Amino acid sequence: MDEDSAVRRMLLRVLDEENYSVCAARTGREALTAAAGETFHLLMLDLNLPNENGWEICQQFNQSHPSVPIIVISGRPNQLVLGNGARLGVFLEKPLDMCRLLRTIGELLQPAQHSLANSAAPVGAS
C-alpha cells in the first residue's frame, strides 16, 4: 500500500469504513504470497517497495491474476513510463486524493456491484 506505515494504516481505515474487505501486505512478496491463496478483486500497489521493484511485482501479479485491476501509487514523478507496458487499472500520484481514490475503486469494482465479496488488496512496505 505505502512505504509509510501511518499512511498505510490511514488507507486501511478509510477502506474499512467503506466496507471493503482488505488484506494488507508490507512487501510485494507478501502480497504475491497472499494473492496465491485468496481471491481478490483489486490490488493497490505502491511502487516504492523495500528491496523490490514495484513494476516487477505488478507484472508478476498480472501474470497470475490477469483479470484483476491494479491501482499503482507513487510519489515519484514520471513512474508511469517505467511501467514498460504493465497492465493496470489506474496510476495515481501522491499525495493521494481520498475522494478520487474511493471513486476509482468503485469504478474498477463496478462489475462486481459492490457485493459482499468486494475486496481490495493493498500492498506496500513498512
N, C-alpha and C. Protein backbone atom coordinates (compact mmCIF):
# COMPACT_ATOMS: atom_id res chain seq x y z
N MET A 1 0.82 -1.16 0.00
CA MET A 1 0.00 0.00 0.00
C MET A 1 0.87 1.23 0.00
N ASP A 2 1.69 1.40 1.01
CA ASP A 2 2.51 2.59 1.08
C ASP A 2 3.73 2.31 1.93
N GLU A 3 4.84 2.96 1.60
CA GLU A 3 6.06 2.73 2.37
C GLU A 3 5.97 3.31 3.77
N ASP A 4 5.06 4.21 4.00
CA ASP A 4 4.87 4.84 5.30
C ASP A 4 3.75 4.11 6.03
N SER A 5 4.08 3.52 7.18
CA SER A 5 3.08 2.73 7.90
C SER A 5 1.91 3.58 8.36
N ALA A 6 2.10 4.86 8.65
CA ALA A 6 0.99 5.73 9.05
C ALA A 6 0.02 5.92 7.88
N VAL A 7 0.55 6.10 6.69
CA VAL A 7 -0.31 6.24 5.51
C VAL A 7 -1.04 4.93 5.25
N ARG A 8 -0.34 3.81 5.40
CA ARG A 8 -0.96 2.50 5.19
C ARG A 8 -2.12 2.30 6.17
N ARG A 9 -1.90 2.64 7.44
CA ARG A 9 -2.97 2.50 8.44
C ARG A 9 -4.16 3.39 8.09
N MET A 10 -3.90 4.61 7.63
CA MET A 10 -4.97 5.51 7.25
C MET A 10 -5.76 4.95 6.08
N LEU A 11 -5.07 4.42 5.08
CA LEU A 11 -5.76 3.82 3.94
C LEU A 11 -6.59 2.62 4.37
N LEU A 12 -6.04 1.80 5.25
CA LEU A 12 -6.80 0.65 5.75
C LEU A 12 -8.07 1.11 6.46
N ARG A 13 -7.94 2.15 7.27
CA ARG A 13 -9.11 2.67 7.99
C ARG A 13 -10.17 3.20 7.03
N VAL A 14 -9.74 3.98 6.03
CA VAL A 14 -10.68 4.54 5.06
C VAL A 14 -11.39 3.42 4.30
N LEU A 15 -10.64 2.43 3.84
CA LEU A 15 -11.26 1.33 3.08
C LEU A 15 -12.18 0.50 3.96
N ASP A 16 -11.80 0.31 5.21
CA ASP A 16 -12.66 -0.42 6.15
C ASP A 16 -13.96 0.34 6.37
N GLU A 17 -13.88 1.66 6.52
CA GLU A 17 -15.08 2.48 6.71
C GLU A 17 -16.01 2.41 5.50
N GLU A 18 -15.44 2.12 4.33
CA GLU A 18 -16.23 1.99 3.11
C GLU A 18 -16.71 0.54 2.90
N ASN A 19 -16.49 -0.29 3.90
CA ASN A 19 -16.94 -1.70 3.91
C ASN A 19 -16.23 -2.58 2.90
N TYR A 20 -14.98 -2.26 2.60
CA TYR A 20 -14.18 -3.14 1.76
C TYR A 20 -13.45 -4.13 2.66
N SER A 21 -13.36 -5.34 2.22
CA SER A 21 -12.57 -6.34 2.91
C SER A 21 -11.14 -6.18 2.41
N VAL A 22 -10.21 -5.90 3.32
CA VAL A 22 -8.86 -5.53 2.93
C VAL A 22 -7.84 -6.51 3.50
N CYS A 23 -6.90 -6.89 2.67
CA CYS A 23 -5.76 -7.70 3.09
C CYS A 23 -4.52 -6.87 2.80
N ALA A 24 -3.79 -6.50 3.83
CA ALA A 24 -2.62 -5.66 3.65
C ALA A 24 -1.35 -6.49 3.70
N ALA A 25 -0.40 -6.12 2.87
CA ALA A 25 0.91 -6.76 2.88
C ALA A 25 1.95 -5.66 2.92
N ARG A 26 3.03 -5.89 3.65
CA ARG A 26 4.07 -4.87 3.78
C ARG A 26 5.05 -4.89 2.62
N THR A 27 5.17 -6.04 1.94
CA THR A 27 6.10 -6.14 0.83
C THR A 27 5.39 -6.75 -0.38
N GLY A 28 6.03 -6.61 -1.53
CA GLY A 28 5.48 -7.21 -2.74
C GLY A 28 5.43 -8.73 -2.65
N ARG A 29 6.46 -9.32 -2.07
CA ARG A 29 6.49 -10.79 -1.92
C ARG A 29 5.35 -11.27 -1.03
N GLU A 30 5.10 -10.55 0.07
CA GLU A 30 3.97 -10.91 0.94
C GLU A 30 2.66 -10.82 0.17
N ALA A 31 2.53 -9.81 -0.67
CA ALA A 31 1.30 -9.64 -1.44
C ALA A 31 1.11 -10.78 -2.44
N LEU A 32 2.19 -11.14 -3.13
CA LEU A 32 2.09 -12.24 -4.09
C LEU A 32 1.74 -13.55 -3.40
N THR A 33 2.31 -13.78 -2.24
CA THR A 33 2.01 -14.99 -1.47
C THR A 33 0.54 -14.99 -1.04
N ALA A 34 0.06 -13.85 -0.53
CA ALA A 34 -1.34 -13.75 -0.10
C ALA A 34 -2.28 -13.94 -1.29
N ALA A 35 -1.93 -13.35 -2.42
CA ALA A 35 -2.78 -13.43 -3.61
C ALA A 35 -2.85 -14.84 -4.17
N ALA A 36 -1.84 -15.63 -3.91
CA ALA A 36 -1.84 -17.01 -4.41
C ALA A 36 -2.88 -17.86 -3.71
N GLY A 37 -3.23 -17.48 -2.47
CA GLY A 37 -4.16 -18.30 -1.71
C GLY A 37 -5.54 -17.69 -1.53
N GLU A 38 -5.77 -16.51 -2.05
CA GLU A 38 -7.04 -15.80 -1.86
C GLU A 38 -7.57 -15.29 -3.19
N THR A 39 -8.84 -14.92 -3.19
CA THR A 39 -9.44 -14.28 -4.35
C THR A 39 -9.55 -12.79 -4.07
N PHE A 40 -8.98 -11.98 -4.94
CA PHE A 40 -9.02 -10.54 -4.80
C PHE A 40 -9.69 -9.94 -6.01
N HIS A 41 -10.31 -8.79 -5.80
CA HIS A 41 -10.95 -8.07 -6.90
C HIS A 41 -10.15 -6.85 -7.32
N LEU A 42 -9.14 -6.48 -6.51
CA LEU A 42 -8.36 -5.28 -6.77
C LEU A 42 -7.04 -5.35 -6.02
N LEU A 43 -5.99 -4.84 -6.64
CA LEU A 43 -4.69 -4.71 -5.98
C LEU A 43 -4.31 -3.25 -5.98
N MET A 44 -3.91 -2.74 -4.81
CA MET A 44 -3.32 -1.41 -4.71
C MET A 44 -1.85 -1.62 -4.43
N LEU A 45 -1.02 -1.04 -5.26
CA LEU A 45 0.42 -1.29 -5.18
C LEU A 45 1.20 0.01 -5.17
N ASP A 46 1.93 0.24 -4.10
CA ASP A 46 2.86 1.37 -4.04
C ASP A 46 4.14 0.91 -4.72
N LEU A 47 4.67 1.71 -5.61
CA LEU A 47 5.88 1.32 -6.34
C LEU A 47 7.13 1.35 -5.48
N ASN A 48 7.10 2.12 -4.39
CA ASN A 48 8.28 2.26 -3.54
C ASN A 48 8.29 1.12 -2.52
N LEU A 49 8.87 0.00 -2.91
CA LEU A 49 8.94 -1.18 -2.05
C LEU A 49 10.39 -1.41 -1.64
N PRO A 50 10.60 -1.83 -0.38
CA PRO A 50 11.98 -2.07 0.05
C PRO A 50 12.56 -3.30 -0.64
N ASN A 51 13.71 -3.13 -1.24
CA ASN A 51 14.45 -4.24 -1.87
C ASN A 51 13.67 -4.92 -2.99
N GLU A 52 12.68 -4.24 -3.55
CA GLU A 52 11.89 -4.83 -4.64
C GLU A 52 11.56 -3.74 -5.66
N ASN A 53 11.37 -4.15 -6.89
CA ASN A 53 10.94 -3.27 -7.94
C ASN A 53 9.42 -3.39 -8.04
N GLY A 54 8.72 -2.30 -7.73
CA GLY A 54 7.26 -2.31 -7.75
C GLY A 54 6.68 -2.72 -9.09
N TRP A 55 7.33 -2.31 -10.19
CA TRP A 55 6.83 -2.68 -11.52
C TRP A 55 6.98 -4.18 -11.75
N GLU A 56 8.04 -4.79 -11.23
CA GLU A 56 8.20 -6.25 -11.37
C GLU A 56 7.11 -6.99 -10.59
N ILE A 57 6.78 -6.51 -9.40
CA ILE A 57 5.70 -7.11 -8.63
C ILE A 57 4.39 -6.96 -9.40
N CYS A 58 4.17 -5.80 -9.99
CA CYS A 58 2.97 -5.56 -10.80
C CYS A 58 2.88 -6.56 -11.95
N GLN A 59 3.98 -6.76 -12.66
CA GLN A 59 3.97 -7.71 -13.78
C GLN A 59 3.76 -9.14 -13.32
N GLN A 60 4.35 -9.52 -12.20
CA GLN A 60 4.14 -10.87 -11.68
C GLN A 60 2.69 -11.08 -11.28
N PHE A 61 2.08 -10.06 -10.65
CA PHE A 61 0.67 -10.16 -10.28
C PHE A 61 -0.19 -10.24 -11.54
N ASN A 62 0.16 -9.45 -12.56
CA ASN A 62 -0.56 -9.51 -13.84
C ASN A 62 -0.55 -10.92 -14.43
N GLN A 63 0.57 -11.59 -14.35
CA GLN A 63 0.68 -12.93 -14.92
C GLN A 63 -0.21 -13.93 -14.19
N SER A 64 -0.28 -13.82 -12.88
CA SER A 64 -1.06 -14.80 -12.12
C SER A 64 -2.52 -14.40 -11.96
N HIS A 65 -2.85 -13.12 -12.13
CA HIS A 65 -4.22 -12.63 -11.96
C HIS A 65 -4.56 -11.63 -13.08
N PRO A 66 -4.64 -12.08 -14.32
CA PRO A 66 -4.79 -11.15 -15.43
C PRO A 66 -6.08 -10.34 -15.44
N SER A 67 -7.11 -10.78 -14.74
CA SER A 67 -8.38 -10.05 -14.78
C SER A 67 -8.55 -9.09 -13.60
N VAL A 68 -7.58 -9.05 -12.69
CA VAL A 68 -7.69 -8.19 -11.51
C VAL A 68 -7.06 -6.83 -11.80
N PRO A 69 -7.85 -5.75 -11.68
CA PRO A 69 -7.28 -4.41 -11.92
C PRO A 69 -6.30 -4.03 -10.81
N ILE A 70 -5.37 -3.16 -11.17
CA ILE A 70 -4.34 -2.72 -10.24
C ILE A 70 -4.34 -1.20 -10.19
N ILE A 71 -4.35 -0.67 -8.97
CA ILE A 71 -4.13 0.76 -8.77
C ILE A 71 -2.68 0.89 -8.34
N VAL A 72 -1.88 1.52 -9.16
CA VAL A 72 -0.47 1.74 -8.86
C VAL A 72 -0.35 3.15 -8.29
N ILE A 73 0.37 3.25 -7.17
CA ILE A 73 0.54 4.52 -6.47
C ILE A 73 2.03 4.84 -6.40
N SER A 74 2.37 6.11 -6.63
CA SER A 74 3.76 6.52 -6.49
C SER A 74 3.85 8.00 -6.17
N GLY A 75 4.81 8.32 -5.35
CA GLY A 75 5.11 9.71 -5.06
C GLY A 75 6.25 10.23 -5.92
N ARG A 76 6.82 9.35 -6.72
CA ARG A 76 7.93 9.74 -7.59
C ARG A 76 7.39 10.16 -8.95
N PRO A 77 7.92 11.21 -9.52
CA PRO A 77 7.44 11.67 -10.83
C PRO A 77 7.87 10.73 -11.95
N ASN A 78 7.11 10.74 -13.02
CA ASN A 78 7.43 10.03 -14.27
C ASN A 78 7.57 8.52 -14.11
N GLN A 79 6.89 7.93 -13.16
CA GLN A 79 7.00 6.48 -12.96
C GLN A 79 6.22 5.68 -13.99
N LEU A 80 5.16 6.25 -14.53
CA LEU A 80 4.34 5.51 -15.48
C LEU A 80 5.13 5.06 -16.69
N VAL A 81 6.09 5.87 -17.13
CA VAL A 81 6.90 5.48 -18.29
C VAL A 81 7.78 4.28 -17.99
N LEU A 82 8.07 4.03 -16.72
CA LEU A 82 8.89 2.88 -16.34
C LEU A 82 8.08 1.59 -16.25
N GLY A 83 6.77 1.70 -16.39
CA GLY A 83 5.89 0.54 -16.28
C GLY A 83 6.08 -0.47 -17.38
N ASN A 84 6.72 -0.08 -18.46
CA ASN A 84 7.05 -1.00 -19.54
C ASN A 84 5.84 -1.81 -19.99
N GLY A 85 4.71 -1.13 -20.15
CA GLY A 85 3.52 -1.80 -20.67
C GLY A 85 2.76 -2.64 -19.67
N ALA A 86 3.03 -2.48 -18.39
CA ALA A 86 2.31 -3.25 -17.37
C ALA A 86 0.83 -2.92 -17.46
N ARG A 87 0.00 -3.93 -17.34
CA ARG A 87 -1.44 -3.73 -17.37
C ARG A 87 -1.89 -3.33 -15.97
N LEU A 88 -2.60 -2.21 -15.91
CA LEU A 88 -3.11 -1.78 -14.62
C LEU A 88 -4.43 -1.06 -14.84
N GLY A 89 -5.13 -0.84 -13.76
CA GLY A 89 -6.39 -0.13 -13.85
C GLY A 89 -6.17 1.37 -13.89
N VAL A 90 -5.37 1.87 -12.94
CA VAL A 90 -5.17 3.31 -12.81
C VAL A 90 -3.81 3.56 -12.17
N PHE A 91 -3.19 4.66 -12.57
CA PHE A 91 -1.96 5.12 -11.93
C PHE A 91 -2.30 6.40 -11.18
N LEU A 92 -2.04 6.44 -9.86
CA LEU A 92 -2.31 7.61 -9.04
C LEU A 92 -1.01 8.12 -8.42
N GLU A 93 -0.82 9.42 -8.48
CA GLU A 93 0.35 10.02 -7.87
C GLU A 93 0.00 10.54 -6.48
N LYS A 94 1.00 10.52 -5.60
CA LYS A 94 0.84 11.10 -4.27
C LYS A 94 1.08 12.59 -4.36
N PRO A 95 0.49 13.34 -3.49
CA PRO A 95 -0.37 12.89 -2.39
C PRO A 95 -1.71 12.41 -2.93
N LEU A 96 -2.23 11.38 -2.28
CA LEU A 96 -3.49 10.78 -2.72
C LEU A 96 -4.68 11.66 -2.36
N ASP A 97 -5.58 11.76 -3.28
CA ASP A 97 -6.87 12.41 -3.07
C ASP A 97 -7.83 11.27 -2.70
N MET A 98 -8.25 11.21 -1.44
CA MET A 98 -9.06 10.09 -0.97
C MET A 98 -10.38 9.97 -1.72
N CYS A 99 -11.00 11.09 -2.04
CA CYS A 99 -12.26 11.03 -2.80
C CYS A 99 -12.02 10.41 -4.18
N ARG A 100 -10.95 10.82 -4.83
CA ARG A 100 -10.62 10.26 -6.14
C ARG A 100 -10.28 8.77 -6.01
N LEU A 101 -9.53 8.41 -4.98
CA LEU A 101 -9.18 7.00 -4.77
C LEU A 101 -10.44 6.16 -4.59
N LEU A 102 -11.34 6.59 -3.73
CA LEU A 102 -12.57 5.82 -3.50
C LEU A 102 -13.44 5.75 -4.75
N ARG A 103 -13.52 6.84 -5.50
CA ARG A 103 -14.28 6.85 -6.75
C ARG A 103 -13.65 5.87 -7.75
N THR A 104 -12.33 5.87 -7.82
CA THR A 104 -11.60 4.97 -8.73
C THR A 104 -11.84 3.51 -8.34
N ILE A 105 -11.76 3.21 -7.05
CA ILE A 105 -12.01 1.84 -6.59
C ILE A 105 -13.42 1.43 -6.97
N GLY A 106 -14.40 2.30 -6.72
CA GLY A 106 -15.78 1.99 -7.08
C GLY A 106 -15.95 1.72 -8.57
N GLU A 107 -15.29 2.52 -9.40
CA GLU A 107 -15.38 2.32 -10.85
C GLU A 107 -14.74 1.01 -11.28
N LEU A 108 -13.59 0.68 -10.69
CA LEU A 108 -12.89 -0.55 -11.07
C LEU A 108 -13.64 -1.80 -10.60
N LEU A 109 -14.36 -1.67 -9.49
CA LEU A 109 -15.11 -2.80 -8.94
C LEU A 109 -16.56 -2.82 -9.40
N GLN A 110 -16.97 -1.87 -10.20
CA GLN A 110 -18.36 -1.75 -10.62
C GLN A 110 -18.95 -3.05 -11.16
N PRO A 111 -18.23 -3.83 -11.96
CA PRO A 111 -18.83 -5.09 -12.43
C PRO A 111 -19.25 -6.01 -11.28
N ALA A 112 -18.57 -5.91 -10.16
CA ALA A 112 -18.92 -6.74 -9.01
C ALA A 112 -20.10 -6.14 -8.24
N GLN A 113 -20.54 -4.92 -8.62
CA GLN A 113 -21.67 -4.24 -7.99
C GLN A 113 -21.51 -4.12 -6.47
N HIS A 114 -20.29 -4.00 -6.01
CA HIS A 114 -20.02 -3.82 -4.58
C HIS A 114 -20.73 -4.87 -3.74
N SER A 115 -20.69 -6.09 -4.17
CA SER A 115 -21.30 -7.17 -3.41
C SER A 115 -20.52 -7.40 -2.12
N LEU A 116 -20.99 -8.27 -1.29
CA LEU A 116 -20.30 -8.58 -0.04
C LEU A 116 -18.92 -9.15 -0.29
N ALA A 117 -18.67 -9.64 -1.49
CA ALA A 117 -17.38 -10.26 -1.80
C ALA A 117 -16.33 -9.24 -2.24
N ASN A 118 -16.68 -7.96 -2.31
CA ASN A 118 -15.69 -6.96 -2.75
C ASN A 118 -14.46 -7.00 -1.86
N SER A 119 -13.32 -6.96 -2.49
CA SER A 119 -12.07 -6.96 -1.76
C SER A 119 -11.11 -5.98 -2.41
N ALA A 120 -10.36 -5.32 -1.60
CA ALA A 120 -9.25 -4.52 -2.09
C ALA A 120 -8.01 -5.13 -1.43
N ALA A 121 -6.97 -5.34 -2.21
CA ALA A 121 -5.77 -5.93 -1.67
C ALA A 121 -4.64 -4.94 -1.73
N PRO A 122 -4.51 -4.08 -0.74
CA PRO A 122 -3.43 -3.12 -0.79
C PRO A 122 -2.09 -3.73 -0.48
N VAL A 123 -1.09 -3.21 -1.10
CA VAL A 123 0.25 -3.74 -0.94
C VAL A 123 1.19 -2.59 -0.66
N GLY A 124 2.17 -2.82 0.15
CA GLY A 124 3.16 -1.79 0.35
C GLY A 124 4.20 -2.21 1.33
N ALA A 125 5.01 -1.29 1.66
CA ALA A 125 6.13 -1.55 2.55
C ALA A 125 5.93 -0.80 3.86
N SER A 126 6.67 -1.21 4.85
CA SER A 126 6.58 -0.50 6.12
C SER A 126 7.65 0.55 6.23
